[in-house]
Amino acid sequence: MCSPAFLMFMATAAELALLVLVTFSTPFIKALYFLRTDSEGGVRFGLLGFCFDLLGICTPKQRVVPVHSSVWIILIIGYKHEPEMVDWLTTVLVLYPVAAGLTLLGLLTLIPLMCYRREGGFLFVMFALFSTLAFLASAGAFAVTMYLFTTVMHRFHVEGFSASYGPSIWIALAATALSLIIALNSGCGTCLGGRFGRQPRHLAYTY
């Protein structure tokens, strides 16, 4: 029989995989995108940029900005597609990789818990914290995603072009729903056997 920690490990790993897919959508994985329109021969919008179907070209996967003679910052979040795109909102999509990072930290805290459950009180608390923060980040990112691309889709429709949601929308929804379930269970302590796996002091059982 699988331990509660192992089941939560698998659920957290699934959440991480979904968030990684969303993060590396178009222009990295062209089959994954938030929105597609037939404007300009077809355009697919992802987290890090967009691609033209007809021309087969995409926005740069990274943008290098000099901030000092010896310091360069690589910006990979944020792009614009005028006049439809609310460009500053695309920067907020950085919350997806942030949520993925927090989910990875939570996943790492579960590894020792699968072996030493009774001695992992602090790790239980850390997992609950990382899970809650990951949910907040993914929920915020999904809310911005829906507002941003619904607005863009409406503007394309007004211009006479067709536009529709892509698979990344539903992957992000699944990741957010899964992160909510994990956060609720970890916060209540039910995912790992109740009260973070510790038996109340006033109870004693004889086997």
C-alpha atoms as a PDB file:
ATOM      1  CA  MET A   1       0.000   0.000   0.000  1.00  0.00           C
ATOM      2  CA  CYS A   2       1.371   3.408  -0.984  1.00  0.00           C
ATOM      3  CA  SER A   3       2.195   5.811   1.818  1.00  0.00           C
ATOM      4  CA  PRO A   4       0.464   9.218   1.908  1.00  0.00           C
ATOM      5  CA  ALA A   5       3.835  10.886   1.321  1.00  0.00           C
ATOM      6  CA  PHE A   6       4.378   8.855  -1.854  1.00  0.00           C
ATOM      7  CA  LEU A   7       0.927   9.705  -3.194  1.00  0.00           C
ATOM      8  CA  MET A   8       1.531  13.395  -2.504  1.00  0.00           C
ATOM      9  CA  PHE A   9       4.951  13.096  -4.158  1.00  0.00           C
ATOM     10  CA  MET A  10       3.321  11.789  -7.332  1.00  0.00           C
ATOM     11  CA  ALA A  11       0.669  14.533  -7.291  1.00  0.00           C
ATOM     12  CA  THR A  12       3.320  17.221  -6.789  1.00  0.00           C
ATOM     13  CA  ALA A  13       5.456  15.752  -9.577  1.00  0.00           C
ATOM     14  CA  ALA A  14       2.432  15.887 -11.888  1.00  0.00           C
ATOM     15  CA  GLU A  15       1.838  19.529 -10.961  1.00  0.00           C
ATOM     16  CA  LEU A  16       5.489  20.339 -11.677  1.00  0.00           C
ATOM     17  CA  ALA A  17       5.304  18.645 -15.075  1.00  0.00           C
ATOM     18  CA  LEU A  18       2.223  20.683 -16.024  1.00  0.00           C
ATOM     19  CA  LEU A  19       3.839  23.953 -14.949  1.00  0.00           C
ATOM     20  CA  VAL A  20       7.001  23.152 -16.911  1.00  0.00           C
ATOM     21  CA  LEU A  21       4.920  22.495 -20.033  1.00  0.00           C
ATOM     22  CA  VAL A  22       3.196  25.852 -19.631  1.00  0.00           C
ATOM     23  CA  THR A  23       6.508  27.627 -19.040  1.00  0.00           C
ATOM     24  CA  PHE A  24       8.113  26.171 -22.168  1.00  0.00           C
ATOM     25  CA  SER A  25       5.135  26.706 -24.457  1.00  0.00           C
ATOM     26  CA  THR A  26       5.502  28.730 -27.669  1.00  0.00           C
ATOM     27  CA  PRO A  27       8.100  29.637 -28.895  1.00  0.00           C
ATOM     28  CA  PHE A  28       9.872  26.588 -27.408  1.00  0.00           C
ATOM     29  CA  ILE A  29       7.096  24.011 -27.846  1.00  0.00           C
ATOM     30  CA  LYS A  30       5.015  25.314 -30.737  1.00  0.00           C
ATOM     31  CA  ALA A  31       2.222  22.808 -30.171  1.00  0.00           C
ATOM     32  CA  LEU A  32       1.497  24.469 -26.816  1.00  0.00           C
ATOM     33  CA  TYR A  33       0.095  28.004 -26.835  1.00  0.00           C
ATOM     34  CA  PHE A  34      -2.434  30.151 -24.988  1.00  0.00           C
ATOM     35  CA  LEU A  35      -4.133  31.691 -28.008  1.00  0.00           C
ATOM     36  CA  ARG A  36      -4.142  31.309 -31.758  1.00  0.00           C
ATOM     37  CA  THR A  37      -5.500  33.738 -34.327  1.00  0.00           C
ATOM     38  CA  ASP A  38      -5.642  33.669 -38.132  1.00  0.00           C
ATOM     39  CA  SER A  39      -4.347  37.246 -38.241  1.00  0.00           C
ATOM     40  CA  GLU A  40      -1.141  37.669 -40.277  1.00  0.00           C
ATOM     41  CA  GLY A  41      -1.427  34.151 -41.627  1.00  0.00           C
ATOM     42  CA  GLY A  42      -1.759  32.638 -38.155  1.00  0.00           C
ATOM     43  CA  VAL A  43      -0.149  33.642 -34.868  1.00  0.00           C
ATOM     44  CA  ARG A  44       0.314  31.506 -31.741  1.00  0.00           C
ATOM     45  CA  PHE A  45       0.915  33.185 -28.409  1.00  0.00           C
ATOM     46  CA  GLY A  46       2.854  31.414 -25.648  1.00  0.00           C
ATOM     47  CA  LEU A  47       4.414  32.397 -22.346  1.00  0.00           C
ATOM     48  CA  LEU A  48       7.737  33.611 -23.731  1.00  0.00           C
ATOM     49  CA  GLY A  49       6.641  34.960 -27.088  1.00  0.00           C
ATOM     50  CA  PHE A  50       4.684  34.160 -30.229  1.00  0.00           C
ATOM     51  CA  CYS A  51       5.183  32.451 -33.577  1.00  0.00           C
ATOM     52  CA  PHE A  52       3.893  33.181 -37.089  1.00  0.00           C
ATOM     53  CA  ASP A  53       2.462  30.025 -38.671  1.00  0.00           C
ATOM     54  CA  LEU A  54       2.798  31.227 -42.262  1.00  0.00           C
ATOM     55  CA  LEU A  55       6.347  32.552 -42.009  1.00  0.00           C
ATOM     56  CA  GLY A  56       7.542  29.934 -39.531  1.00  0.00           C
ATOM     57  CA  ILE A  57       9.410  32.498 -37.432  1.00  0.00           C
ATOM     58  CA  CYS A  58       9.131  33.271 -33.730  1.00  0.00           C
ATOM     59  CA  THR A  59      10.097  36.020 -31.338  1.00  0.00           C
ATOM     60  CA  PRO A  60      13.548  35.601 -29.734  1.00  0.00           C
ATOM     61  CA  LYS A  61      13.557  33.112 -26.882  1.00  0.00           C
ATOM     62  CA  GLN A  62      15.689  35.495 -24.849  1.00  0.00           C
ATOM     63  CA  ARG A  63      16.428  39.194 -24.813  1.00  0.00           C
ATOM     64  CA  VAL A  64      19.806  40.442 -23.594  1.00  0.00           C
ATOM     65  CA  VAL A  65      19.809  43.881 -21.993  1.00  0.00           C
ATOM     66  CA  PRO A  66      23.009  45.656 -20.886  1.00  0.00           C
ATOM     67  CA  VAL A  67      22.735  47.303 -17.461  1.00  0.00           C
ATOM     68  CA  HIS A  68      26.446  47.997 -17.021  1.00  0.00           C
ATOM     69  CA  SER A  69      29.613  47.721 -19.070  1.00  0.00           C
ATOM     70  CA  SER A  70      30.284  44.312 -17.541  1.00  0.00           C
ATOM     71  CA  VAL A  71      26.782  43.250 -16.494  1.00  0.00           C
ATOM     72  CA  TRP A  72      24.164  41.847 -18.862  1.00  0.00           C
ATOM     73  CA  ILE A  73      20.695  40.673 -17.864  1.00  0.00           C
ATOM     74  CA  ILE A  74      18.861  38.075 -19.908  1.00  0.00           C
ATOM     75  CA  LEU A  75      15.148  38.845 -19.940  1.00  0.00           C
ATOM     76  CA  ILE A  76      12.992  35.941 -21.106  1.00  0.00           C
ATOM     77  CA  ILE A  77       9.619  37.148 -19.833  1.00  0.00           C
ATOM     78  CA  GLY A  78       7.460  39.814 -21.430  1.00  0.00           C
ATOM     79  CA  TYR A  79       6.662  40.633 -25.055  1.00  0.00           C
ATOM     80  CA  LYS A  80       4.270  42.772 -27.058  1.00  0.00           C
ATOM     81  CA  HIS A  81       2.067  42.394 -30.099  1.00  0.00           C
ATOM     82  CA  GLU A  82       0.585  45.772 -30.924  1.00  0.00           C
ATOM     83  CA  PRO A  83      -2.135  46.892 -30.769  1.00  0.00           C
ATOM     84  CA  GLU A  84      -3.944  43.854 -29.339  1.00  0.00           C
ATOM     85  CA  MET A  85      -1.561  42.810 -26.569  1.00  0.00           C
ATOM     86  CA  VAL A  86      -1.510  44.397 -23.119  1.00  0.00           C
ATOM     87  CA  ASP A  87       2.251  43.999 -23.106  1.00  0.00           C
ATOM     88  CA  TRP A  88       3.029  44.664 -19.426  1.00  0.00           C
ATOM     89  CA  LEU A  89       0.690  41.854 -18.393  1.00  0.00           C
ATOM     90  CA  THR A  90       2.845  39.317 -20.207  1.00  0.00           C
ATOM     91  CA  THR A  91       5.572  40.067 -17.669  1.00  0.00           C
ATOM     92  CA  VAL A  92       3.288  38.849 -14.866  1.00  0.00           C
ATOM     93  CA  LEU A  93       3.326  35.404 -16.498  1.00  0.00           C
ATOM     94  CA  VAL A  94       6.694  34.961 -14.788  1.00  0.00           C
ATOM     95  CA  LEU A  95       4.559  33.591 -11.960  1.00  0.00           C
ATOM     96  CA  TYR A  96       4.330  30.285 -13.840  1.00  0.00           C
ATOM     97  CA  PRO A  97       8.071  29.497 -13.578  1.00  0.00           C
ATOM     98  CA  VAL A  98       7.995  30.874 -10.021  1.00  0.00           C
ATOM     99  CA  ALA A  99       5.222  28.399  -9.186  1.00  0.00           C
ATOM    100  CA  ALA A 100       7.252  25.639 -10.852  1.00  0.00           C
ATOM    101  CA  GLY A 101      10.269  26.501  -8.710  1.00  0.00           C
ATOM    102  CA  LEU A 102       8.220  26.467  -5.516  1.00  0.00           C
ATOM    103  CA  THR A 103       6.653  23.158  -6.535  1.00  0.00           C
ATOM    104  CA  LEU A 104      10.127  21.701  -7.102  1.00  0.00           C
ATOM    105  CA  LEU A 105      11.188  22.782  -3.602  1.00  0.00           C
ATOM    106  CA  GLY A 106       8.083  21.143  -2.180  1.00  0.00           C
ATOM    107  CA  LEU A 107       8.851  17.992  -4.131  1.00  0.00           C
ATOM    108  CA  LEU A 108      12.368  17.854  -2.692  1.00  0.00           C
ATOM    109  CA  THR A 109      11.040  18.129   0.882  1.00  0.00           C
ATOM    110  CA  LEU A 110       8.875  15.049   0.282  1.00  0.00           C
ATOM    111  CA  ILE A 111      11.784  12.771  -0.602  1.00  0.00           C
ATOM    112  CA  PRO A 112      13.081  12.312   2.985  1.00  0.00           C
ATOM    113  CA  LEU A 113       9.490  12.191   4.282  1.00  0.00           C
ATOM    114  CA  MET A 114       8.835   9.004   2.339  1.00  0.00           C
ATOM    115  CA  CYS A 115      11.589   7.315   4.354  1.00  0.00           C
ATOM    116  CA  TYR A 116      11.540   9.099   7.732  1.00  0.00           C
ATOM    117  CA  ARG A 117       7.952  10.215   8.219  1.00  0.00           C
ATOM    118  CA  ARG A 118       7.943  10.324  12.027  1.00  0.00           C
ATOM    119  CA  GLU A 119      11.021  12.527  12.184  1.00  0.00           C
ATOM    120  CA  GLY A 120      10.029  15.077   9.568  1.00  0.00           C
ATOM    121  CA  GLY A 121       7.937  17.584  11.515  1.00  0.00           C
ATOM    122  CA  PHE A 122       9.782  20.594  10.132  1.00  0.00           C
ATOM    123  CA  LEU A 123       9.669  19.203   6.601  1.00  0.00           C
ATOM    124  CA  PHE A 124       5.888  18.788   6.839  1.00  0.00           C
ATOM    125  CA  VAL A 125       5.596  22.479   7.611  1.00  0.00           C
ATOM    126  CA  MET A 126       7.972  23.424   4.779  1.00  0.00           C
ATOM    127  CA  PHE A 127       6.021  21.318   2.308  1.00  0.00           C
ATOM    128  CA  ALA A 128       2.767  22.987   3.373  1.00  0.00           C
ATOM    129  CA  LEU A 129       4.401  26.411   2.944  1.00  0.00           C
ATOM    130  CA  PHE A 130       5.847  25.674  -0.504  1.00  0.00           C
ATOM    131  CA  SER A 131       2.559  24.130  -1.650  1.00  0.00           C
ATOM    132  CA  THR A 132       0.551  27.155  -0.538  1.00  0.00           C
ATOM    133  CA  LEU A 133       2.928  29.622  -2.183  1.00  0.00           C
ATOM    134  CA  ALA A 134       2.944  27.554  -5.380  1.00  0.00           C
ATOM    135  CA  PHE A 135      -0.847  27.633  -5.482  1.00  0.00           C
ATOM    136  CA  LEU A 136      -0.951  31.402  -4.949  1.00  0.00           C
ATOM    137  CA  ALA A 137       1.588  31.923  -7.743  1.00  0.00           C
ATOM    138  CA  SER A 138      -0.152  29.602 -10.205  1.00  0.00           C
ATOM    139  CA  ALA A 139      -3.604  30.991  -9.357  1.00  0.00           C
ATOM    140  CA  GLY A 140      -2.381  34.554  -9.866  1.00  0.00           C
ATOM    141  CA  ALA A 141      -0.735  33.607 -13.147  1.00  0.00           C
ATOM    142  CA  PHE A 142      -3.852  31.827 -14.377  1.00  0.00           C
ATOM    143  CA  ALA A 143      -6.073  34.793 -13.495  1.00  0.00           C
ATOM    144  CA  VAL A 144      -3.786  37.133 -15.464  1.00  0.00           C
ATOM    145  CA  THR A 145      -3.644  34.620 -18.321  1.00  0.00           C
ATOM    146  CA  MET A 146      -7.421  34.489 -18.651  1.00  0.00           C
ATOM    147  CA  TYR A 147      -7.789  38.266 -18.510  1.00  0.00           C
ATOM    148  CA  LEU A 148      -4.923  38.913 -20.913  1.00  0.00           C
ATOM    149  CA  PHE A 149      -5.798  36.415 -23.620  1.00  0.00           C
ATOM    150  CA  THR A 150      -9.558  36.891 -23.354  1.00  0.00           C
ATOM    151  CA  THR A 151      -8.937  40.595 -23.974  1.00  0.00           C
ATOM    152  CA  VAL A 152      -6.630  39.813 -26.902  1.00  0.00           C
ATOM    153  CA  MET A 153      -9.141  37.350 -28.366  1.00  0.00           C
ATOM    154  CA  HIS A 154     -11.928  39.937 -28.135  1.00  0.00           C
ATOM    155  CA  ARG A 155      -9.766  42.536 -29.907  1.00  0.00           C
ATOM    156  CA  PHE A 156      -8.994  40.131 -32.731  1.00  0.00           C
ATOM    157  CA  HIS A 157     -12.699  39.364 -33.087  1.00  0.00           C
ATOM    158  CA  VAL A 158     -13.449  43.084 -33.302  1.00  0.00           C
ATOM    159  CA  GLU A 159     -10.860  43.370 -36.097  1.00  0.00           C
ATOM    160  CA  GLY A 160     -12.606  40.565 -37.973  1.00  0.00           C
ATOM    161  CA  PHE A 161     -10.152  37.746 -37.274  1.00  0.00           C
ATOM    162  CA  SER A 162     -10.904  34.420 -35.641  1.00  0.00           C
ATOM    163  CA  ALA A 163      -9.133  33.558 -32.404  1.00  0.00           C
ATOM    164  CA  SER A 164      -9.398  30.696 -29.918  1.00  0.00           C
ATOM    165  CA  TYR A 165      -7.793  29.402 -26.742  1.00  0.00           C
ATOM    166  CA  GLY A 166      -4.962  26.907 -27.035  1.00  0.00           C
ATOM    167  CA  PRO A 167      -3.961  23.839 -25.002  1.00  0.00           C
ATOM    168  CA  SER A 168      -1.739  25.819 -22.620  1.00  0.00           C
ATOM    169  CA  ILE A 169      -4.858  27.433 -21.126  1.00  0.00           C
ATOM    170  CA  TRP A 170      -6.242  24.053 -20.084  1.00  0.00           C
ATOM    171  CA  ILE A 171      -2.852  22.768 -18.921  1.00  0.00           C
ATOM    172  CA  ALA A 172      -2.518  25.865 -16.724  1.00  0.00           C
ATOM    173  CA  LEU A 173      -6.049  25.296 -15.383  1.00  0.00           C
ATOM    174  CA  ALA A 174      -5.217  21.678 -14.539  1.00  0.00           C
ATOM    175  CA  ALA A 175      -1.981  22.738 -12.813  1.00  0.00           C
ATOM    176  CA  THR A 176      -3.813  25.378 -10.764  1.00  0.00           C
ATOM    177  CA  ALA A 177      -6.577  22.958  -9.734  1.00  0.00           C
ATOM    178  CA  LEU A 178      -4.027  20.319  -8.754  1.00  0.00           C
ATOM    179  CA  SER A 179      -1.978  22.853  -6.773  1.00  0.00           C
ATOM    180  CA  LEU A 180      -5.148  23.885  -4.908  1.00  0.00           C
ATOM    181  CA  ILE A 181      -5.866  20.282  -3.921  1.00  0.00           C
ATOM    182  CA  ILE A 182      -2.270  19.769  -2.777  1.00  0.00           C
ATOM    183  CA  ALA A 183      -2.202  23.053  -0.846  1.00  0.00           C
ATOM    184  CA  LEU A 184      -5.489  22.303   0.934  1.00  0.00           C
ATOM    185  CA  ASN A 185      -4.398  18.802   1.874  1.00  0.00           C
ATOM    186  CA  SER A 186      -0.946  19.839   3.030  1.00  0.00           C
ATOM    187  CA  GLY A 187      -2.319  22.794   4.971  1.00  0.00           C
ATOM    188  CA  CYS A 188      -4.854  20.622   6.786  1.00  0.00           C
ATOM    189  CA  GLY A 189      -2.329  17.865   7.323  1.00  0.00           C
ATOM    190  CA  THR A 190      -4.611  15.284   5.727  1.00  0.00           C
ATOM    191  CA  CYS A 191      -2.291  14.462   2.837  1.00  0.00           C
ATOM    192  CA  LEU A 192       0.240  12.849   5.140  1.00  0.00           C
ATOM    193  CA  GLY A 193      -1.951  11.043   7.606  1.00  0.00           C
ATOM    194  CA  GLY A 194      -3.461  13.903   9.607  1.00  0.00           C
ATOM    195  CA  ARG A 195      -1.832  16.439  11.955  1.00  0.00           C
ATOM    196  CA  PHE A 196       1.307  16.238   9.796  1.00  0.00           C
ATOM    197  CA  GLY A 197       1.579  12.544  10.496  1.00  0.00           C
ATOM    198  CA  ARG A 198       1.874  12.862  14.298  1.00  0.00           C
ATOM    199  CA  GLN A 199      -0.393  11.164  16.771  1.00  0.00           C
ATOM    200  CA  PRO A 200      -2.023  13.371  19.452  1.00  0.00           C
ATOM    201  CA  ARG A 201      -0.234  13.011  22.769  1.00  0.00           C
ATOM    202  CA  HIS A 202      -3.378  12.163  24.716  1.00  0.00           C
ATOM    203  CA  LEU A 203      -4.072   9.119  22.504  1.00  0.00           C
ATOM    204  CA  ALA A 204      -2.344   5.797  22.770  1.00  0.00           C
ATOM    205  CA  TYR A 205      -2.969   2.642  20.782  1.00  0.00           C
ATOM    206  CA  THR A 206      -2.036  -0.922  21.520  1.00  0.00           C
ATOM    207  CA  TYR A 207      -1.405  -3.254  18.633  1.00  0.00           C
END
